[in-house]
Amino acid sequence: MPGKLELDVGGLPLLARVYRNLGGDTAREAFLSCKATLPPELDALLLAPAVVDRWSQRGPLGGMISTMTRMRSRWVYVSAGDTPFVNAAFVASLAAERRPGDEAVVPVHDVEGKALLEPLAALYDRLAFLREGVGILRSGRGALRLVIERLAARRVPAADPRVFTNVNTLTEYRGLS
């Protein structure tokens, strides 16, 4: 849905809402991974550098690698920009699940009897992700699940699957309330 990140959600563009919900206005290191430059009006609301994906047409994996190569933090939370109910408390709950040796903490929730991984709402050891993700990206296979399969990934049940709600259609946007 073109322009969805600029749609109003609670008085802010959707991307700005997600950014603020995650505590983007704090001193934490934050970056935005983008397919292209952001509109100036939206960019002005975000206090984080935007990294334009070096590997266009390669999906989220290319954007994540482009952005992670610019970061310094060891642990990185990754969120889709169209998930208005994700928040800092959710990220803290993932961090609390992390154990020594983990390279990722990935939430899982049940959808029609099937366990569904949420790789775009997960916590990653940035160095481990780059170690495994670059090879998968270069091989032409861009699925995040392939990276997760190669990581020491802790899968944790999601307490509230509503945090994974995203906006891909006008119907989903209208149903946000």
Protein backbone atom coordinates (compact mmCIF):
# COMPACT_ATOMS: atom_id res chain seq x y z
CA MET A 1 0.00 0.00 0.00
CA PRO A 2 1.96 3.01 -1.23
CA GLY A 3 2.25 5.86 1.27
CA LYS A 4 1.09 3.77 4.22
CA LEU A 5 3.93 4.94 6.49
CA GLU A 6 2.56 8.49 6.19
CA LEU A 7 -1.03 7.61 7.15
CA ASP A 8 -2.30 9.23 10.35
CA VAL A 9 -2.40 6.94 13.37
CA GLY A 10 -3.29 8.73 16.57
CA GLY A 11 -2.18 12.12 15.28
CA LEU A 12 1.16 10.97 13.86
CA PRO A 13 2.25 9.34 10.62
CA LEU A 14 2.37 5.55 11.07
CA LEU A 15 6.19 5.34 10.94
CA ALA A 16 6.56 8.16 13.48
CA ARG A 17 4.08 6.36 15.76
CA VAL A 18 6.10 3.12 15.63
CA TYR A 19 9.34 5.05 16.20
CA ARG A 20 7.96 6.82 19.28
CA ASN A 21 6.29 3.69 20.65
CA LEU A 22 9.69 2.02 20.61
CA GLY A 23 11.33 4.88 22.47
CA GLY A 24 13.02 6.37 19.42
CA ASP A 25 13.23 9.75 21.15
CA THR A 26 15.59 8.33 23.81
CA ALA A 27 19.37 8.19 23.75
CA ARG A 28 19.39 4.62 22.37
CA GLU A 29 21.00 4.01 19.03
CA ALA A 30 18.22 3.96 16.45
CA PHE A 31 18.28 3.71 12.67
CA LEU A 32 15.57 3.53 10.04
CA SER A 33 15.95 1.14 7.14
CA CYS A 34 14.24 2.51 4.03
CA LYS A 35 13.77 1.53 0.39
CA ALA A 36 14.21 5.20 -0.58
CA THR A 37 14.59 8.54 1.11
CA LEU A 38 11.71 9.58 3.33
CA PRO A 39 9.44 12.53 2.55
CA PRO A 40 10.86 15.62 4.31
CA GLU A 41 7.74 16.05 6.49
CA LEU A 42 8.11 12.52 7.84
CA ASP A 43 11.89 12.67 8.14
CA ALA A 44 11.56 15.82 10.29
CA LEU A 45 9.62 13.81 12.92
CA LEU A 46 12.30 11.14 13.30
CA LEU A 47 15.52 11.67 15.21
CA ALA A 48 17.30 8.73 13.64
CA PRO A 49 19.37 8.43 10.49
CA ALA A 50 17.63 6.74 7.58
CA VAL A 51 19.67 4.12 5.75
CA VAL A 52 18.61 3.50 2.18
CA ASP A 53 18.75 -0.20 1.36
CA ARG A 54 21.83 -1.08 -0.72
CA TRP A 55 20.13 -4.21 -2.09
CA SER A 56 16.85 -3.12 -3.58
CA GLN A 57 14.31 -5.80 -4.38
CA ARG A 58 15.84 -8.18 -1.82
CA GLY A 59 13.23 -7.72 0.90
CA PRO A 60 13.77 -7.01 4.58
CA LEU A 61 17.02 -8.97 4.74
CA GLY A 62 18.81 -6.52 2.45
CA GLY A 63 17.53 -3.56 4.44
CA MET A 64 18.50 -5.13 7.75
CA ILE A 65 22.03 -5.86 6.57
CA SER A 66 22.42 -2.38 5.07
CA THR A 67 21.39 -0.84 8.37
CA MET A 68 23.21 -3.20 10.74
CA THR A 69 26.51 -2.49 9.01
CA ARG A 70 26.14 1.14 10.14
CA MET A 71 25.27 0.38 13.77
CA ARG A 72 27.49 -0.07 16.83
CA SER A 73 25.09 -1.70 19.32
CA ARG A 74 25.63 -5.41 19.79
CA TRP A 75 21.93 -6.21 20.27
CA VAL A 76 19.42 -4.79 17.82
CA TYR A 77 15.64 -4.87 17.91
CA VAL A 78 14.11 -4.97 14.43
CA SER A 79 10.59 -3.75 13.81
CA ALA A 80 8.50 -3.33 10.72
CA GLY A 81 7.54 0.31 10.21
CA ASP A 82 3.85 -0.50 9.84
CA THR A 83 3.22 -2.11 13.25
CA PRO A 84 1.47 0.57 15.33
CA PHE A 85 0.99 -1.54 18.48
CA VAL A 86 4.59 -2.59 19.06
CA ASN A 87 6.17 -0.79 22.03
CA ALA A 88 9.23 -0.57 24.27
CA ALA A 89 7.66 -2.91 26.86
CA PHE A 90 7.46 -5.64 24.21
CA VAL A 91 11.14 -5.15 23.38
CA ALA A 92 12.01 -5.31 27.08
CA SER A 93 10.09 -8.59 27.36
CA LEU A 94 12.19 -10.07 24.54
CA ALA A 95 15.40 -8.81 26.17
CA ALA A 96 14.37 -10.47 29.44
CA GLU A 97 14.14 -13.82 27.60
CA ARG A 98 17.71 -13.60 26.27
CA ARG A 99 20.15 -16.18 27.67
CA PRO A 100 23.91 -16.63 27.32
CA GLY A 101 24.70 -18.10 23.91
CA ASP A 102 21.57 -16.71 22.24
CA GLU A 103 22.07 -14.96 18.92
CA ALA A 104 18.42 -14.03 18.44
CA VAL A 105 15.21 -13.87 20.41
CA VAL A 106 12.29 -14.34 18.05
CA PRO A 107 8.65 -14.20 19.09
CA VAL A 108 6.29 -16.93 17.98
CA HIS A 109 2.52 -16.94 18.04
CA ASP A 110 -0.23 -19.27 16.97
CA VAL A 111 -2.09 -18.58 13.74
CA GLU A 112 -4.76 -21.13 12.91
CA GLY A 113 -2.90 -23.88 14.77
CA LYS A 114 0.48 -23.11 13.22
CA ALA A 115 3.41 -21.53 15.07
CA LEU A 116 4.36 -18.38 13.19
CA LEU A 117 7.78 -16.74 13.63
CA GLU A 118 7.89 -12.94 13.69
CA PRO A 119 11.38 -12.07 12.37
CA LEU A 120 10.41 -8.40 11.92
CA ALA A 121 9.66 -8.06 15.63
CA ALA A 122 12.77 -9.75 17.00
CA LEU A 123 15.96 -9.08 18.89
CA TYR A 124 19.23 -9.97 17.14
CA ASP A 125 22.90 -10.15 17.99
CA ARG A 126 23.99 -7.79 15.23
CA LEU A 127 27.36 -9.46 14.60
CA ALA A 128 25.85 -12.95 14.42
CA PHE A 129 23.10 -11.69 12.10
CA LEU A 130 25.64 -10.13 9.76
CA ARG A 131 27.80 -13.26 9.87
CA GLU A 132 24.93 -15.46 8.68
CA GLY A 133 22.79 -12.97 6.78
CA VAL A 134 25.36 -11.66 4.31
CA GLY A 135 26.00 -15.13 2.88
CA ILE A 136 22.30 -15.84 2.52
CA LEU A 137 21.73 -12.48 0.84
CA ARG A 138 24.61 -13.02 -1.59
CA SER A 139 23.35 -16.50 -2.46
CA GLY A 140 20.16 -14.91 -3.78
CA ARG A 141 18.00 -16.42 -1.07
CA GLY A 142 16.58 -13.58 0.97
CA ALA A 143 14.31 -15.28 3.49
CA LEU A 144 14.83 -14.14 7.06
CA ARG A 145 13.84 -17.58 8.30
CA LEU A 146 17.00 -18.95 6.65
CA VAL A 147 19.11 -16.60 8.76
CA ILE A 148 17.18 -17.51 11.90
CA GLU A 149 17.74 -21.22 11.18
CA ARG A 150 21.51 -20.58 11.21
CA LEU A 151 21.48 -18.58 14.45
CA ALA A 152 21.24 -19.82 18.01
CA ALA A 153 17.71 -18.46 18.10
CA ARG A 154 15.49 -18.59 21.16
CA ARG A 155 11.85 -18.77 20.17
CA VAL A 156 9.52 -17.24 22.74
CA PRO A 157 5.73 -17.28 22.83
CA ALA A 158 4.19 -13.87 22.34
CA ALA A 159 1.97 -12.77 25.21
CA ASP A 160 -0.03 -10.38 23.02
CA PRO A 161 -0.03 -11.13 19.27
CA ARG A 162 -1.67 -7.75 18.65
CA VAL A 163 1.85 -6.22 18.59
CA PHE A 164 2.35 -7.92 15.22
CA THR A 165 -0.65 -6.18 13.63
CA ASN A 166 0.53 -4.43 10.50
CA VAL A 167 -1.02 -2.29 7.81
CA ASN A 168 -1.02 -3.57 4.25
CA THR A 169 -4.52 -2.63 3.10
CA LEU A 170 -7.04 0.15 3.64
CA THR A 171 -9.25 -2.33 5.47
CA GLU A 172 -6.42 -3.07 7.95
CA TYR A 173 -5.77 0.66 8.36
CA ARG A 174 -9.44 1.36 9.08
CA GLY A 175 -9.47 -1.49 11.62
CA LEU A 176 -6.65 -0.07 13.76
CA SER A 177 -8.90 1.50 16.40
